Amino acid sequence: EGQVFMGDQTLSQLFRLFTEQVDGVDQGCAILFAEGLASGPMRPFFLPDGSMLVGQTGRGWYATGGFIDGLQRLTWDGKTIPGDILKVTVSPKGYDIHFTLPLPETLTADTLRESVAVKSWFYTNHAEYGSPEHDVRDDAVAGVSISDDRRTLHIDLDNFGEGDRWLDRVYHLTLGGSEKIFGDKQTWDTLAAYYTLRTIPKR
């Protein structure tokens, strides 16, 4: 609820987009929702029964799915809640990763810290098509903690936003390891989100 679905035409994937407003500035994250579609999704559309119809096309370009076009229907079984990232929100010191399920009691903050990785970069807007990734770096994690309801992982980054020369810097946050965090309920081997940062909330 309150999120938007967007297709990645080249990779034949569907993403969920979550947005928030920080000090009057809109920003947010993209989270993988579905992959392995027949062609490039261009038009996701909800039907009255709640299922989603996904119109797809290659449009003369390459699409990972391999087909020139496609029309597929995604239907929820009404009961399964997969273990995944629900949304990512920014904090004065870093990011809060909110999950669809509570983190297992067996997991500690120290254990999760070992599986957290953060990388960032920024793009430039210019007349030529596309942009390389500028100032790519691995951001050091200063600390992690788990909320009381175990549905949120707080991640603090070293020197978050200090001295940055960026506009709309993209942060790629991943959680992965030898074992899935949510076991058999987890959607992907590695949980990931892309957050486009435009402003940091005041402390």
N, C-alpha and C. Protein backbone atom coordinates (compact mmCIF):
# COMPACT_ATOMS: atom_id res chain seq x y z
N GLU A 1 0.84 -1.20 0.00
CA GLU A 1 0.00 0.00 0.00
C GLU A 1 0.88 1.25 0.00
N GLY A 2 0.52 2.22 -0.83
CA GLY A 2 1.25 3.47 -0.87
C GLY A 2 2.54 3.42 -1.66
N GLN A 3 2.77 2.32 -2.39
CA GLN A 3 3.96 2.21 -3.22
C GLN A 3 3.57 2.17 -4.69
N VAL A 4 4.57 2.36 -5.56
CA VAL A 4 4.34 2.40 -7.00
C VAL A 4 5.16 1.30 -7.66
N PHE A 5 4.62 0.67 -8.69
CA PHE A 5 5.34 -0.36 -9.42
C PHE A 5 5.91 0.22 -10.71
N MET A 6 7.16 -0.14 -11.01
CA MET A 6 7.84 0.37 -12.20
C MET A 6 8.61 -0.77 -12.87
N GLY A 7 8.51 -0.85 -14.19
CA GLY A 7 9.22 -1.89 -14.91
C GLY A 7 10.60 -1.45 -15.34
N ASP A 8 11.55 -2.40 -15.38
CA ASP A 8 12.86 -2.18 -15.99
C ASP A 8 12.84 -2.90 -17.33
N GLN A 9 12.75 -2.14 -18.42
CA GLN A 9 12.55 -2.71 -19.75
C GLN A 9 13.71 -3.63 -20.15
N THR A 10 14.93 -3.21 -19.92
CA THR A 10 16.09 -3.98 -20.37
C THR A 10 16.24 -5.29 -19.60
N LEU A 11 16.07 -5.24 -18.27
CA LEU A 11 16.32 -6.40 -17.42
C LEU A 11 15.09 -7.28 -17.22
N SER A 12 13.94 -6.90 -17.79
CA SER A 12 12.70 -7.68 -17.65
C SER A 12 12.36 -7.91 -16.18
N GLN A 13 12.47 -6.84 -15.40
CA GLN A 13 12.18 -6.89 -13.97
C GLN A 13 11.10 -5.87 -13.60
N LEU A 14 10.49 -6.09 -12.45
CA LEU A 14 9.49 -5.17 -11.92
C LEU A 14 9.96 -4.73 -10.53
N PHE A 15 9.94 -3.41 -10.27
CA PHE A 15 10.38 -2.86 -9.00
C PHE A 15 9.22 -2.23 -8.24
N ARG A 16 9.34 -2.20 -6.90
CA ARG A 16 8.47 -1.40 -6.07
C ARG A 16 9.19 -0.11 -5.72
N LEU A 17 8.50 1.01 -5.79
CA LEU A 17 9.09 2.30 -5.45
C LEU A 17 8.41 2.85 -4.20
N PHE A 18 9.23 3.22 -3.21
CA PHE A 18 8.72 3.89 -2.01
C PHE A 18 9.31 5.29 -1.97
N THR A 19 8.47 6.29 -1.73
CA THR A 19 8.95 7.66 -1.64
C THR A 19 8.61 8.25 -0.28
N GLU A 20 9.45 9.16 0.17
CA GLU A 20 9.19 9.91 1.40
C GLU A 20 9.61 11.36 1.18
N GLN A 21 9.11 12.23 2.00
CA GLN A 21 9.46 13.65 1.91
C GLN A 21 10.27 14.02 3.15
N VAL A 22 11.47 14.55 2.90
CA VAL A 22 12.38 14.96 3.98
C VAL A 22 12.67 16.44 3.83
N ASP A 23 12.25 17.22 4.81
CA ASP A 23 12.45 18.67 4.77
C ASP A 23 11.94 19.28 3.46
N GLY A 24 10.78 18.80 3.01
CA GLY A 24 10.16 19.33 1.80
C GLY A 24 10.71 18.78 0.51
N VAL A 25 11.64 17.84 0.58
CA VAL A 25 12.27 17.26 -0.61
C VAL A 25 11.82 15.81 -0.78
N ASP A 26 11.37 15.45 -1.98
CA ASP A 26 10.94 14.08 -2.26
C ASP A 26 12.13 13.22 -2.64
N GLN A 27 12.19 12.02 -2.08
CA GLN A 27 13.23 11.05 -2.41
C GLN A 27 12.73 9.68 -2.01
N GLY A 28 13.49 8.64 -2.30
CA GLY A 28 13.02 7.31 -1.94
C GLY A 28 13.85 6.21 -2.53
N CYS A 29 13.26 4.99 -2.55
CA CYS A 29 14.05 3.81 -2.93
C CYS A 29 13.30 2.92 -3.90
N ALA A 30 14.07 2.05 -4.56
CA ALA A 30 13.54 1.04 -5.47
C ALA A 30 13.93 -0.34 -4.94
N ILE A 31 12.96 -1.27 -4.93
CA ILE A 31 13.16 -2.62 -4.40
C ILE A 31 12.66 -3.62 -5.43
N LEU A 32 13.47 -4.61 -5.75
CA LEU A 32 13.08 -5.62 -6.74
C LEU A 32 11.83 -6.37 -6.28
N PHE A 33 10.85 -6.49 -7.19
CA PHE A 33 9.60 -7.18 -6.88
C PHE A 33 9.44 -8.48 -7.66
N ALA A 34 9.81 -8.47 -8.94
CA ALA A 34 9.68 -9.68 -9.78
C ALA A 34 10.73 -9.63 -10.88
N GLU A 35 11.25 -10.80 -11.23
CA GLU A 35 12.20 -10.87 -12.34
C GLU A 35 11.90 -12.11 -13.18
N GLY A 36 12.58 -12.23 -14.31
CA GLY A 36 12.35 -13.37 -15.18
C GLY A 36 11.08 -13.22 -16.02
N LEU A 37 10.63 -11.98 -16.25
CA LEU A 37 9.45 -11.77 -17.09
C LEU A 37 9.80 -12.05 -18.56
N ALA A 38 8.77 -12.24 -19.38
CA ALA A 38 8.97 -12.67 -20.77
C ALA A 38 9.68 -11.62 -21.61
N SER A 39 9.39 -10.34 -21.34
CA SER A 39 9.98 -9.26 -22.12
C SER A 39 10.10 -8.03 -21.22
N GLY A 40 10.29 -6.86 -21.81
CA GLY A 40 10.49 -5.65 -21.02
C GLY A 40 9.18 -5.05 -20.52
N PRO A 41 8.93 -5.06 -19.20
CA PRO A 41 7.66 -4.52 -18.67
C PRO A 41 7.59 -3.00 -18.83
N MET A 42 6.51 -2.55 -19.46
CA MET A 42 6.31 -1.12 -19.70
C MET A 42 5.03 -0.61 -19.03
N ARG A 43 4.08 -1.51 -18.77
CA ARG A 43 2.79 -1.06 -18.24
C ARG A 43 2.23 -2.07 -17.24
N PRO A 44 2.52 -1.90 -15.95
CA PRO A 44 1.82 -2.71 -14.95
C PRO A 44 0.46 -2.08 -14.65
N PHE A 45 -0.56 -2.93 -14.51
CA PHE A 45 -1.93 -2.42 -14.37
C PHE A 45 -2.71 -3.36 -13.46
N PHE A 46 -3.32 -2.80 -12.40
CA PHE A 46 -4.11 -3.62 -11.48
C PHE A 46 -5.50 -3.88 -12.05
N LEU A 47 -5.94 -5.13 -11.98
CA LEU A 47 -7.29 -5.52 -12.37
C LEU A 47 -8.22 -5.43 -11.15
N PRO A 48 -9.54 -5.40 -11.37
CA PRO A 48 -10.48 -5.26 -10.25
C PRO A 48 -10.32 -6.33 -9.17
N ASP A 49 -9.83 -7.53 -9.53
CA ASP A 49 -9.68 -8.59 -8.52
C ASP A 49 -8.38 -8.47 -7.73
N GLY A 50 -7.58 -7.42 -8.00
CA GLY A 50 -6.34 -7.20 -7.25
C GLY A 50 -5.11 -7.79 -7.90
N SER A 51 -5.28 -8.60 -8.94
CA SER A 51 -4.12 -9.14 -9.65
C SER A 51 -3.53 -8.04 -10.53
N MET A 52 -2.30 -8.27 -11.00
CA MET A 52 -1.62 -7.27 -11.81
C MET A 52 -1.34 -7.82 -13.21
N LEU A 53 -1.75 -7.06 -14.21
CA LEU A 53 -1.46 -7.39 -15.60
C LEU A 53 -0.24 -6.58 -16.02
N VAL A 54 0.77 -7.24 -16.59
CA VAL A 54 2.01 -6.56 -16.96
C VAL A 54 2.21 -6.63 -18.47
N GLY A 55 2.03 -5.49 -19.14
CA GLY A 55 2.27 -5.39 -20.58
C GLY A 55 3.76 -5.19 -20.83
N GLN A 56 4.30 -5.95 -21.80
CA GLN A 56 5.75 -5.95 -22.02
C GLN A 56 6.08 -5.84 -23.51
N THR A 57 7.22 -5.25 -23.80
CA THR A 57 7.67 -5.14 -25.19
C THR A 57 9.18 -5.01 -25.27
N GLY A 58 9.75 -5.50 -26.36
CA GLY A 58 11.16 -5.30 -26.64
C GLY A 58 11.37 -4.00 -27.41
N ARG A 59 10.38 -3.60 -28.17
CA ARG A 59 10.39 -2.34 -28.93
C ARG A 59 11.64 -2.20 -29.81
N GLY A 60 12.16 -3.30 -30.28
CA GLY A 60 13.35 -3.23 -31.11
C GLY A 60 14.64 -3.19 -30.30
N TRP A 61 14.52 -3.07 -28.96
CA TRP A 61 15.69 -3.08 -28.09
C TRP A 61 15.84 -4.49 -27.51
N TYR A 62 16.96 -4.68 -26.82
CA TYR A 62 17.16 -5.97 -26.15
C TYR A 62 16.41 -5.98 -24.82
N ALA A 63 15.78 -7.10 -24.51
CA ALA A 63 15.16 -7.32 -23.20
C ALA A 63 15.60 -8.69 -22.71
N THR A 64 16.02 -8.79 -21.45
CA THR A 64 16.57 -10.02 -20.90
C THR A 64 15.61 -11.20 -21.05
N GLY A 65 14.31 -10.93 -21.00
CA GLY A 65 13.33 -12.01 -21.12
C GLY A 65 13.42 -12.77 -22.43
N GLY A 66 13.90 -12.10 -23.48
CA GLY A 66 14.14 -12.79 -24.74
C GLY A 66 13.01 -12.74 -25.75
N PHE A 67 11.80 -12.31 -25.35
CA PHE A 67 10.67 -12.25 -26.27
C PHE A 67 10.45 -10.81 -26.76
N ILE A 68 9.90 -10.69 -27.95
CA ILE A 68 9.63 -9.37 -28.53
C ILE A 68 8.56 -8.64 -27.72
N ASP A 69 7.58 -9.39 -27.23
CA ASP A 69 6.53 -8.79 -26.40
C ASP A 69 5.99 -9.84 -25.44
N GLY A 70 5.16 -9.40 -24.53
CA GLY A 70 4.58 -10.33 -23.57
C GLY A 70 3.45 -9.70 -22.78
N LEU A 71 2.57 -10.54 -22.26
CA LEU A 71 1.48 -10.10 -21.39
C LEU A 71 1.35 -11.16 -20.30
N GLN A 72 1.68 -10.79 -19.07
CA GLN A 72 1.65 -11.74 -17.97
C GLN A 72 0.83 -11.19 -16.82
N ARG A 73 0.28 -12.12 -16.04
CA ARG A 73 -0.57 -11.74 -14.92
C ARG A 73 0.05 -12.24 -13.62
N LEU A 74 0.20 -11.35 -12.66
CA LEU A 74 0.74 -11.70 -11.35
C LEU A 74 -0.41 -11.72 -10.34
N THR A 75 -0.54 -12.83 -9.63
CA THR A 75 -1.65 -12.99 -8.69
C THR A 75 -1.13 -13.42 -7.32
N TRP A 76 -1.53 -12.71 -6.27
CA TRP A 76 -1.18 -13.08 -4.90
C TRP A 76 -2.11 -14.18 -4.43
N ASP A 77 -1.54 -15.16 -3.67
CA ASP A 77 -2.38 -16.26 -3.21
C ASP A 77 -3.22 -15.88 -1.99
N GLY A 78 -3.07 -14.64 -1.50
CA GLY A 78 -3.89 -14.16 -0.41
C GLY A 78 -3.41 -14.52 0.97
N LYS A 79 -2.29 -15.24 1.07
CA LYS A 79 -1.83 -15.66 2.40
C LYS A 79 -0.32 -15.56 2.58
N THR A 80 0.45 -15.73 1.54
CA THR A 80 1.91 -15.75 1.67
C THR A 80 2.47 -14.34 1.83
N ILE A 81 3.23 -14.11 2.90
CA ILE A 81 3.95 -12.85 3.08
C ILE A 81 5.43 -13.17 3.00
N PRO A 82 6.08 -12.86 1.88
CA PRO A 82 7.48 -13.22 1.74
C PRO A 82 8.39 -12.36 2.60
N GLY A 83 9.51 -12.92 3.01
CA GLY A 83 10.51 -12.15 3.74
C GLY A 83 11.29 -11.27 2.79
N ASP A 84 11.13 -9.97 2.93
CA ASP A 84 11.76 -9.04 1.99
C ASP A 84 11.87 -7.66 2.65
N ILE A 85 12.51 -6.74 1.94
CA ILE A 85 12.55 -5.35 2.38
C ILE A 85 11.23 -4.70 2.01
N LEU A 86 10.56 -4.11 2.97
CA LEU A 86 9.31 -3.39 2.70
C LEU A 86 9.60 -2.00 2.16
N LYS A 87 10.52 -1.30 2.82
CA LYS A 87 10.90 0.05 2.40
C LYS A 87 12.19 0.43 3.12
N VAL A 88 12.83 1.49 2.63
CA VAL A 88 14.01 2.06 3.27
C VAL A 88 13.76 3.54 3.50
N THR A 89 14.02 4.01 4.70
CA THR A 89 13.88 5.43 5.02
C THR A 89 15.23 5.97 5.49
N VAL A 90 15.45 7.26 5.26
CA VAL A 90 16.72 7.87 5.63
C VAL A 90 16.64 8.41 7.05
N SER A 91 17.77 8.38 7.76
CA SER A 91 17.87 8.95 9.10
C SER A 91 19.05 9.91 9.13
N PRO A 92 19.21 10.70 10.19
CA PRO A 92 20.35 11.62 10.24
C PRO A 92 21.71 10.93 10.15
N LYS A 93 21.77 9.66 10.56
CA LYS A 93 23.05 8.95 10.59
C LYS A 93 23.20 7.89 9.51
N GLY A 94 22.11 7.62 8.76
CA GLY A 94 22.18 6.57 7.75
C GLY A 94 20.81 6.16 7.27
N TYR A 95 20.51 4.86 7.37
CA TYR A 95 19.24 4.37 6.83
C TYR A 95 18.57 3.39 7.79
N ASP A 96 17.24 3.33 7.66
CA ASP A 96 16.43 2.35 8.38
C ASP A 96 15.81 1.41 7.35
N ILE A 97 16.11 0.13 7.46
CA ILE A 97 15.54 -0.87 6.55
C ILE A 97 14.35 -1.52 7.25
N HIS A 98 13.17 -1.35 6.69
CA HIS A 98 11.93 -1.91 7.25
C HIS A 98 11.60 -3.21 6.49
N PHE A 99 11.23 -4.24 7.23
CA PHE A 99 10.99 -5.55 6.63
C PHE A 99 9.51 -5.92 6.63
N THR A 100 9.16 -6.87 5.78
CA THR A 100 7.78 -7.35 5.71
C THR A 100 7.45 -8.28 6.87
N LEU A 101 8.48 -8.88 7.48
CA LEU A 101 8.33 -9.80 8.60
C LEU A 101 9.30 -9.41 9.71
N PRO A 102 9.01 -9.79 10.96
CA PRO A 102 9.97 -9.54 12.03
C PRO A 102 11.24 -10.35 11.82
N LEU A 103 12.37 -9.79 12.17
CA LEU A 103 13.63 -10.53 12.10
C LEU A 103 13.61 -11.68 13.11
N PRO A 104 14.13 -12.85 12.75
CA PRO A 104 14.14 -13.98 13.68
C PRO A 104 14.86 -13.63 14.98
N GLU A 105 14.37 -14.18 16.07
CA GLU A 105 14.95 -13.90 17.39
C GLU A 105 16.40 -14.38 17.50
N THR A 106 16.76 -15.34 16.67
CA THR A 106 18.11 -15.90 16.72
C THR A 106 19.15 -14.95 16.14
N LEU A 107 18.71 -13.94 15.40
CA LEU A 107 19.65 -13.01 14.77
C LEU A 107 19.96 -11.86 15.71
N THR A 108 21.23 -11.54 15.83
CA THR A 108 21.65 -10.40 16.64
C THR A 108 22.12 -9.27 15.72
N ALA A 109 22.24 -8.09 16.28
CA ALA A 109 22.71 -6.94 15.51
C ALA A 109 24.13 -7.19 15.00
N ASP A 110 24.96 -7.82 15.81
CA ASP A 110 26.34 -8.10 15.39
C ASP A 110 26.37 -9.05 14.19
N THR A 111 25.49 -10.04 14.21
CA THR A 111 25.42 -10.97 13.09
C THR A 111 24.98 -10.26 11.82
N LEU A 112 23.96 -9.42 11.94
CA LEU A 112 23.46 -8.70 10.77
C LEU A 112 24.47 -7.70 10.24
N ARG A 113 25.25 -7.11 11.12
CA ARG A 113 26.25 -6.14 10.68
C ARG A 113 27.22 -6.77 9.69
N GLU A 114 27.54 -8.04 9.88
CA GLU A 114 28.46 -8.73 8.99
C GLU A 114 27.86 -8.95 7.60
N SER A 115 26.53 -8.93 7.50
CA SER A 115 25.90 -9.19 6.21
C SER A 115 25.48 -7.92 5.48
N VAL A 116 25.64 -6.75 6.14
CA VAL A 116 25.24 -5.47 5.54
C VAL A 116 26.38 -4.90 4.70
N ALA A 117 26.06 -4.48 3.49
CA ALA A 117 27.04 -3.79 2.63
C ALA A 117 26.36 -2.58 2.00
N VAL A 118 27.08 -1.47 1.95
CA VAL A 118 26.54 -0.24 1.38
C VAL A 118 27.54 0.33 0.37
N LYS A 119 27.07 0.56 -0.84
CA LYS A 119 27.89 1.17 -1.89
C LYS A 119 27.12 2.36 -2.43
N SER A 120 27.82 3.40 -2.87
CA SER A 120 27.11 4.58 -3.39
C SER A 120 27.87 5.20 -4.56
N TRP A 121 27.13 6.00 -5.33
CA TRP A 121 27.68 6.71 -6.50
C TRP A 121 26.67 7.77 -6.92
N PHE A 122 27.01 8.56 -7.93
CA PHE A 122 26.02 9.49 -8.47
C PHE A 122 26.14 9.55 -9.98
N TYR A 123 25.05 9.98 -10.63
CA TYR A 123 25.00 10.12 -12.08
C TYR A 123 24.98 11.61 -12.45
N THR A 124 25.32 11.89 -13.69
CA THR A 124 25.25 13.27 -14.19
C THR A 124 24.28 13.34 -15.35
N ASN A 125 23.58 14.47 -15.43
CA ASN A 125 22.65 14.71 -16.53
C ASN A 125 23.35 15.53 -17.62
N HIS A 126 23.34 15.02 -18.84
CA HIS A 126 23.97 15.74 -19.95
C HIS A 126 23.31 15.32 -21.25
N ALA A 127 23.76 15.87 -22.35
CA ALA A 127 23.10 15.66 -23.64
C ALA A 127 23.26 14.24 -24.16
N GLU A 128 24.35 13.55 -23.83
CA GLU A 128 24.56 12.21 -24.32
C GLU A 128 23.69 11.21 -23.56
N TYR A 129 23.44 10.07 -24.19
CA TYR A 129 22.58 9.05 -23.61
C TYR A 129 23.28 8.37 -22.43
N GLY A 130 22.60 8.31 -21.30
CA GLY A 130 23.13 7.61 -20.14
C GLY A 130 24.22 8.36 -19.42
N SER A 131 24.71 7.75 -18.35
CA SER A 131 25.78 8.36 -17.55
C SER A 131 26.56 7.26 -16.86
N PRO A 132 27.88 7.41 -16.74
CA PRO A 132 28.64 6.46 -15.92
C PRO A 132 28.36 6.69 -14.44
N GLU A 133 28.78 5.76 -13.61
CA GLU A 133 28.68 5.93 -12.17
C GLU A 133 29.89 6.71 -11.69
N HIS A 134 29.65 7.87 -11.06
CA HIS A 134 30.73 8.72 -10.60
C HIS A 134 30.98 8.52 -9.10
N ASP A 135 32.25 8.65 -8.71
CA ASP A 135 32.63 8.61 -7.29
C ASP A 135 32.08 7.37 -6.60
N VAL A 136 32.27 6.20 -7.22
CA VAL A 136 31.80 4.95 -6.63
C VAL A 136 32.63 4.64 -5.39
N ARG A 137 31.96 4.28 -4.31
CA ARG A 137 32.68 4.00 -3.08
C ARG A 137 31.93 2.99 -2.22
N ASP A 138 32.66 2.31 -1.37
CA ASP A 138 32.07 1.44 -0.35
C ASP A 138 31.96 2.26 0.93
N ASP A 139 30.73 2.43 1.41
CA ASP A 139 30.48 3.24 2.60
C ASP A 139 30.61 2.38 3.86
N ALA A 140 31.45 2.83 4.78
CA ALA A 140 31.71 2.07 6.00
C ALA A 140 30.53 2.12 6.95
N VAL A 141 30.15 0.96 7.48
CA VAL A 141 29.04 0.86 8.44
C VAL A 141 29.60 1.10 9.84
N ALA A 142 29.06 2.13 10.50
CA ALA A 142 29.53 2.46 11.85
C ALA A 142 28.85 1.59 12.90
N GLY A 143 27.62 1.18 12.65
CA GLY A 143 26.90 0.36 13.62
C GLY A 143 25.51 0.01 13.13
N VAL A 144 24.94 -1.06 13.66
CA VAL A 144 23.57 -1.45 13.35
C VAL A 144 22.84 -1.78 14.65
N SER A 145 21.53 -1.60 14.63
CA SER A 145 20.69 -1.97 15.78
C SER A 145 19.33 -2.40 15.27
N ILE A 146 18.62 -3.16 16.08
CA ILE A 146 17.32 -3.71 15.71
C ILE A 146 16.24 -3.05 16.55
N SER A 147 15.13 -2.67 15.92
CA SER A 147 14.02 -2.04 16.64
C SER A 147 13.37 -3.05 17.58
N ASP A 148 12.60 -2.55 18.55
CA ASP A 148 11.96 -3.42 19.54
C ASP A 148 11.01 -4.44 18.91
N ASP A 149 10.31 -4.04 17.84
CA ASP A 149 9.40 -4.98 17.19
C ASP A 149 10.11 -5.87 16.17
N ARG A 150 11.42 -5.69 16.02
CA ARG A 150 12.28 -6.50 15.15
C ARG A 150 11.89 -6.40 13.67
N ARG A 151 11.21 -5.35 13.30
CA ARG A 151 10.83 -5.16 11.90
C ARG A 151 11.69 -4.11 11.19
N THR A 152 12.61 -3.48 11.94
CA THR A 152 13.44 -2.43 11.35
C THR A 152 14.89 -2.61 11.77
N LEU A 153 15.78 -2.48 10.78
CA LEU A 153 17.22 -2.52 11.05
C LEU A 153 17.78 -1.12 10.84
N HIS A 154 18.33 -0.53 11.91
CA HIS A 154 18.92 0.80 11.83
C HIS A 154 20.38 0.68 11.45
N ILE A 155 20.79 1.39 10.40
CA ILE A 155 22.17 1.33 9.92
C ILE A 155 22.78 2.73 10.01
N ASP A 156 23.84 2.87 10.77
CA ASP A 156 24.58 4.13 10.85
C ASP A 156 25.83 4.01 9.99
N LEU A 157 26.09 5.06 9.19
CA LEU A 157 27.25 5.08 8.31
C LEU A 157 28.28 6.07 8.82
N ASP A 158 29.54 5.76 8.62
CA ASP A 158 30.61 6.67 9.00
C ASP A 158 30.54 7.95 8.17
N ASN A 159 30.57 9.10 8.84
CA ASN A 159 30.62 10.41 8.16
C ASN A 159 29.51 10.55 7.10
N PHE A 160 28.31 10.13 7.47
CA PHE A 160 27.20 10.13 6.51
C PHE A 160 26.93 11.53 5.96
N GLY A 161 27.12 11.70 4.65
CA GLY A 161 26.81 12.96 3.97
C GLY A 161 27.80 14.08 4.20
N GLU A 162 28.83 13.84 4.97
CA GLU A 162 29.77 14.92 5.27
C GLU A 162 30.78 15.10 4.13
N GLY A 163 30.85 16.34 3.62
CA GLY A 163 31.82 16.65 2.58
C GLY A 163 31.48 16.08 1.22
N ASP A 164 30.28 15.56 1.04
CA ASP A 164 29.91 14.99 -0.26
C ASP A 164 29.70 16.07 -1.31
N ARG A 165 30.18 15.79 -2.51
CA ARG A 165 29.87 16.61 -3.67
C ARG A 165 28.94 15.78 -4.55
N TRP A 166 27.66 15.81 -4.20
CA TRP A 166 26.74 14.96 -4.94
C TRP A 166 25.41 15.66 -5.16
N LEU A 167 24.72 15.20 -6.16
CA LEU A 167 23.33 15.57 -6.40
C LEU A 167 22.60 14.28 -6.71
N ASP A 168 21.63 13.94 -5.88
CA ASP A 168 20.89 12.69 -6.07
C ASP A 168 21.84 11.48 -6.04
N ARG A 169 22.55 11.32 -4.95
CA ARG A 169 23.48 10.19 -4.82
C ARG A 169 22.70 8.90 -4.57
N VAL A 170 23.07 7.83 -5.25
CA VAL A 170 22.39 6.55 -5.14
C VAL A 170 23.14 5.66 -4.15
N TYR A 171 22.40 5.13 -3.17
CA TYR A 171 22.97 4.20 -2.19
C TYR A 171 22.38 2.81 -2.45
N HIS A 172 23.26 1.83 -2.65
CA HIS A 172 22.84 0.45 -2.86
C HIS A 172 23.08 -0.31 -1.56
N LEU A 173 22.00 -0.67 -0.89
CA LEU A 173 22.08 -1.37 0.40
C LEU A 173 21.74 -2.84 0.19
N THR A 174 22.62 -3.73 0.66
CA THR A 174 22.38 -5.16 0.51
C THR A 174 22.55 -5.89 1.83
N LEU A 175 21.78 -6.97 1.98
CA LEU A 175 21.91 -7.87 3.12
C LEU A 175 21.99 -9.27 2.57
N GLY A 176 23.13 -9.88 2.72
CA GLY A 176 23.31 -11.23 2.19
C GLY A 176 24.33 -11.98 3.01
N GLY A 177 24.32 -13.28 2.87
CA GLY A 177 25.27 -14.10 3.60
C GLY A 177 25.12 -15.54 3.18
N SER A 178 25.74 -16.42 3.92
CA SER A 178 25.68 -17.84 3.58
C SER A 178 24.29 -18.41 3.81
N GLU A 179 23.52 -17.81 4.73
CA GLU A 179 22.16 -18.27 5.00
C GLU A 179 21.18 -17.12 4.85
N LYS A 180 20.00 -17.41 4.35
CA LYS A 180 18.97 -16.40 4.19
C LYS A 180 18.47 -15.92 5.55
N ILE A 181 18.23 -14.63 5.67
CA ILE A 181 17.79 -14.05 6.94
C ILE A 181 16.44 -14.62 7.37
N PHE A 182 15.52 -14.76 6.41
CA PHE A 182 14.17 -15.24 6.71
C PHE A 182 13.96 -16.70 6.31
N GLY A 183 15.04 -17.43 6.09
CA GLY A 183 14.94 -18.84 5.74
C GLY A 183 14.16 -19.08 4.46
N ASP A 184 13.27 -20.08 4.48
CA ASP A 184 12.51 -20.44 3.28
C ASP A 184 11.51 -19.36 2.87
N LYS A 185 11.20 -18.44 3.78
CA LYS A 185 10.23 -17.39 3.46
C LYS A 185 10.86 -16.24 2.67
N GLN A 186 12.20 -16.24 2.55
CA GLN A 186 12.87 -15.10 1.91
C GLN A 186 12.74 -15.15 0.40
N THR A 187 12.48 -13.99 -0.22
CA THR A 187 12.26 -13.91 -1.65
C THR A 187 13.54 -14.12 -2.44
N TRP A 188 14.60 -13.41 -2.07
CA TRP A 188 15.86 -13.43 -2.82
C TRP A 188 17.00 -13.89 -1.92
N ASP A 189 18.06 -14.42 -2.54
CA ASP A 189 19.24 -14.81 -1.77
C ASP A 189 19.85 -13.61 -1.07
N THR A 190 19.88 -12.47 -1.77
CA THR A 190 20.38 -11.22 -1.20
C THR A 190 19.27 -10.19 -1.24
N LEU A 191 18.95 -9.59 -0.09
CA LEU A 191 17.95 -8.53 -0.04
C LEU A 191 18.63 -7.21 -0.39
N ALA A 192 17.99 -6.41 -1.24
CA ALA A 192 18.66 -5.20 -1.71
C ALA A 192 17.66 -4.09 -2.00
N ALA A 193 18.14 -2.86 -1.89
CA ALA A 193 17.34 -1.68 -2.23
C ALA A 193 18.28 -0.59 -2.73
N TYR A 194 17.76 0.26 -3.62
CA TYR A 194 18.50 1.41 -4.13
C TYR A 194 17.81 2.68 -3.64
N TYR A 195 18.50 3.45 -2.83
CA TYR A 195 17.92 4.69 -2.29
C TYR A 195 18.60 5.88 -2.95
N THR A 196 17.81 6.77 -3.56
CA THR A 196 18.34 8.00 -4.15
C THR A 196 18.24 9.12 -3.13
N LEU A 197 19.38 9.53 -2.60
CA LEU A 197 19.44 10.52 -1.53
C LEU A 197 19.58 11.93 -2.10
N ARG A 198 18.68 12.80 -1.69
CA ARG A 198 18.73 14.21 -2.11
C ARG A 198 18.98 15.15 -0.93
N THR A 199 18.50 14.73 0.24
CA THR A 199 18.73 15.53 1.45
C THR A 199 18.72 14.62 2.66
N ILE A 200 19.42 15.03 3.71
CA ILE A 200 19.51 14.24 4.93
C ILE A 200 18.73 14.96 6.03
N PRO A 201 17.88 14.26 6.77
CA PRO A 201 17.13 14.92 7.84
C PRO A 201 18.06 15.49 8.91
N LYS A 202 17.65 16.60 9.49
CA LYS A 202 18.47 17.22 10.53
C LYS A 202 18.45 16.36 11.78
N ARG A 203 19.54 16.39 12.52
CA ARG A 203 19.64 15.59 13.75
C ARG A 203 18.67 16.10 14.80
